[in-house]
Amino acid sequence: MGTDEQVIKKNFYVNMGAQQGLKKGTRLDVFRVVSVLDPYDNRKRVNYKVKVGELKVIHTNDEAAISVVHKLEEEVPVLELDQFIVGDHVAVSTN
């Protein structure tokens, strides 16, 4: 529903909080593990950790935080979903 230009706002809940050093404004890098089967090397499975984008913390508690999309990466491998999903890995940005 809606139009192509419409930006849908979402909150993302992260299981890290003030005890892990998060505060309002902290940027979080979001990574997704992409698993690929190599048909030439004994069907060996290779996992790649790909940066999908960044979140920005807008609220923290001791053990949890609420964040919003800060940036989505432009050049990433083809992903099933081009948005953050449950199971993505999150780390405090070092930039």
C-alpha atoms as a PDB file:
ATOM      1  CA  MET A   1       0.000   0.000   0.000  1.00  0.00           C
ATOM      2  CA  GLY A   2       1.095   3.577  -0.450  1.00  0.00           C
ATOM      3  CA  THR A   3       3.218   5.144  -3.165  1.00  0.00           C
ATOM      4  CA  ASP A   4       6.723   4.426  -4.444  1.00  0.00           C
ATOM      5  CA  GLU A   5       8.032   7.676  -2.930  1.00  0.00           C
ATOM      6  CA  GLN A   6       6.498   7.008   0.497  1.00  0.00           C
ATOM      7  CA  VAL A   7       9.064   6.268   3.204  1.00  0.00           C
ATOM      8  CA  ILE A   8       7.784   3.803   5.782  1.00  0.00           C
ATOM      9  CA  LYS A   9       9.208   4.529   9.231  1.00  0.00           C
ATOM     10  CA  LYS A  10      10.101   1.592  11.474  1.00  0.00           C
ATOM     11  CA  ASN A  11      11.737   1.111  14.843  1.00  0.00           C
ATOM     12  CA  PHE A  12      14.261  -1.664  15.325  1.00  0.00           C
ATOM     13  CA  TYR A  13      14.752  -3.239  18.748  1.00  0.00           C
ATOM     14  CA  VAL A  14      18.280  -4.349  19.616  1.00  0.00           C
ATOM     15  CA  ASN A  15      19.264  -6.621  22.514  1.00  0.00           C
ATOM     16  CA  MET A  16      22.174  -4.340  23.529  1.00  0.00           C
ATOM     17  CA  GLY A  17      21.764  -1.320  25.762  1.00  0.00           C
ATOM     18  CA  ALA A  18      23.431   1.104  28.148  1.00  0.00           C
ATOM     19  CA  GLN A  19      25.282  -1.724  29.910  1.00  0.00           C
ATOM     20  CA  GLN A  20      27.048  -2.442  26.609  1.00  0.00           C
ATOM     21  CA  GLY A  21      27.892   1.248  26.091  1.00  0.00           C
ATOM     22  CA  LEU A  22      25.012   2.326  23.844  1.00  0.00           C
ATOM     23  CA  LYS A  23      23.533   5.804  24.177  1.00  0.00           C
ATOM     24  CA  LYS A  24      21.291   8.037  22.100  1.00  0.00           C
ATOM     25  CA  GLY A  25      22.967   8.777  18.765  1.00  0.00           C
ATOM     26  CA  THR A  26      25.201   5.677  18.711  1.00  0.00           C
ATOM     27  CA  ARG A  27      25.517   4.143  15.258  1.00  0.00           C
ATOM     28  CA  LEU A  28      25.260   0.398  14.827  1.00  0.00           C
ATOM     29  CA  ASP A  29      26.572  -1.569  11.844  1.00  0.00           C
ATOM     30  CA  VAL A  30      24.188  -4.280  10.623  1.00  0.00           C
ATOM     31  CA  PHE A  31      25.562  -7.421   8.966  1.00  0.00           C
ATOM     32  CA  ARG A  32      23.877 -10.414   7.364  1.00  0.00           C
ATOM     33  CA  VAL A  33      25.442 -13.846   6.941  1.00  0.00           C
ATOM     34  CA  VAL A  34      25.045 -15.012   3.335  1.00  0.00           C
ATOM     35  CA  SER A  35      25.647 -18.733   2.875  1.00  0.00           C
ATOM     36  CA  VAL A  36      26.760 -20.004  -0.552  1.00  0.00           C
ATOM     37  CA  LEU A  37      27.320 -23.571  -1.692  1.00  0.00           C
ATOM     38  CA  ASP A  38      30.522 -24.052  -3.749  1.00  0.00           C
ATOM     39  CA  PRO A  39      29.723 -26.782  -6.329  1.00  0.00           C
ATOM     40  CA  TYR A  40      33.397 -27.151  -7.311  1.00  0.00           C
ATOM     41  CA  ASP A  41      34.903 -27.742  -3.862  1.00  0.00           C
ATOM     42  CA  ASN A  42      33.135 -30.853  -2.527  1.00  0.00           C
ATOM     43  CA  ARG A  43      29.929 -28.833  -2.212  1.00  0.00           C
ATOM     44  CA  LYS A  44      31.579 -26.903   0.619  1.00  0.00           C
ATOM     45  CA  ARG A  45      29.407 -24.175   2.160  1.00  0.00           C
ATOM     46  CA  VAL A  46      30.990 -20.725   2.503  1.00  0.00           C
ATOM     47  CA  ASN A  47      29.545 -18.029   4.773  1.00  0.00           C
ATOM     48  CA  TYR A  48      30.057 -14.344   3.995  1.00  0.00           C
ATOM     49  CA  LYS A  49      29.355 -11.601   6.528  1.00  0.00           C
ATOM     50  CA  VAL A  50      28.025  -8.685   4.461  1.00  0.00           C
ATOM     51  CA  LYS A  51      27.319  -5.182   5.782  1.00  0.00           C
ATOM     52  CA  VAL A  52      23.679  -4.348   5.018  1.00  0.00           C
ATOM     53  CA  GLY A  53      23.540  -0.867   6.562  1.00  0.00           C
ATOM     54  CA  GLU A  54      23.524   1.192   9.761  1.00  0.00           C
ATOM     55  CA  LEU A  55      21.071   1.893  12.558  1.00  0.00           C
ATOM     56  CA  LYS A  56      21.010   4.974  14.804  1.00  0.00           C
ATOM     57  CA  VAL A  57      20.010   4.538  18.462  1.00  0.00           C
ATOM     58  CA  ILE A  58      17.150   6.816  19.582  1.00  0.00           C
ATOM     59  CA  HIS A  59      16.494   5.332  23.065  1.00  0.00           C
ATOM     60  CA  THR A  60      18.299   2.990  25.458  1.00  0.00           C
ATOM     61  CA  ASN A  61      17.502   0.960  28.542  1.00  0.00           C
ATOM     62  CA  ASP A  62      20.020  -1.083  30.524  1.00  0.00           C
ATOM     63  CA  GLU A  63      19.826  -4.144  28.263  1.00  0.00           C
ATOM     64  CA  ALA A  64      17.950  -2.988  25.131  1.00  0.00           C
ATOM     65  CA  ALA A  65      17.786  -0.139  22.648  1.00  0.00           C
ATOM     66  CA  ILE A  66      15.401   1.265  20.060  1.00  0.00           C
ATOM     67  CA  SER A  67      16.897   2.414  16.784  1.00  0.00           C
ATOM     68  CA  VAL A  68      15.928   3.675  13.321  1.00  0.00           C
ATOM     69  CA  VAL A  69      17.479   3.208   9.892  1.00  0.00           C
ATOM     70  CA  HIS A  70      20.438   5.525   9.428  1.00  0.00           C
ATOM     71  CA  LYS A  71      21.700   4.183   6.100  1.00  0.00           C
ATOM     72  CA  LEU A  72      21.265   1.192   3.790  1.00  0.00           C
ATOM     73  CA  GLU A  73      24.307   0.038   1.810  1.00  0.00           C
ATOM     74  CA  GLU A  74      24.084   0.665  -1.931  1.00  0.00           C
ATOM     75  CA  GLU A  75      26.380  -2.097  -3.208  1.00  0.00           C
ATOM     76  CA  VAL A  76      25.591  -5.431  -1.595  1.00  0.00           C
ATOM     77  CA  PRO A  77      25.101  -8.914  -3.022  1.00  0.00           C
ATOM     78  CA  VAL A  78      21.563  -9.792  -4.037  1.00  0.00           C
ATOM     79  CA  LEU A  79      19.634 -10.429  -0.824  1.00  0.00           C
ATOM     80  CA  GLU A  80      16.205 -11.980  -0.378  1.00  0.00           C
ATOM     81  CA  LEU A  81      15.065  -8.898   1.536  1.00  0.00           C
ATOM     82  CA  ASP A  82      16.611  -5.454   1.090  1.00  0.00           C
ATOM     83  CA  GLN A  83      15.728  -4.320   4.622  1.00  0.00           C
ATOM     84  CA  PHE A  84      16.996  -5.315   8.078  1.00  0.00           C
ATOM     85  CA  ILE A  85      15.536  -8.586   9.358  1.00  0.00           C
ATOM     86  CA  VAL A  86      15.454 -10.655  12.530  1.00  0.00           C
ATOM     87  CA  GLY A  87      18.739 -12.551  12.787  1.00  0.00           C
ATOM     88  CA  ASP A  88      20.965  -9.846  11.326  1.00  0.00           C
ATOM     89  CA  HIS A  89      24.137  -9.273  13.341  1.00  0.00           C
ATOM     90  CA  VAL A  90      24.643  -5.877  14.993  1.00  0.00           C
ATOM     91  CA  ALA A  91      27.898  -4.272  16.167  1.00  0.00           C
ATOM     92  CA  VAL A  92      28.774  -0.790  17.402  1.00  0.00           C
ATOM     93  CA  SER A  93      30.122   1.250  14.482  1.00  0.00           C
ATOM     94  CA  THR A  94      33.783   2.199  14.685  1.00  0.00           C
ATOM     95  CA  ASN A  95      33.459   5.055  12.151  1.00  0.00           C
END
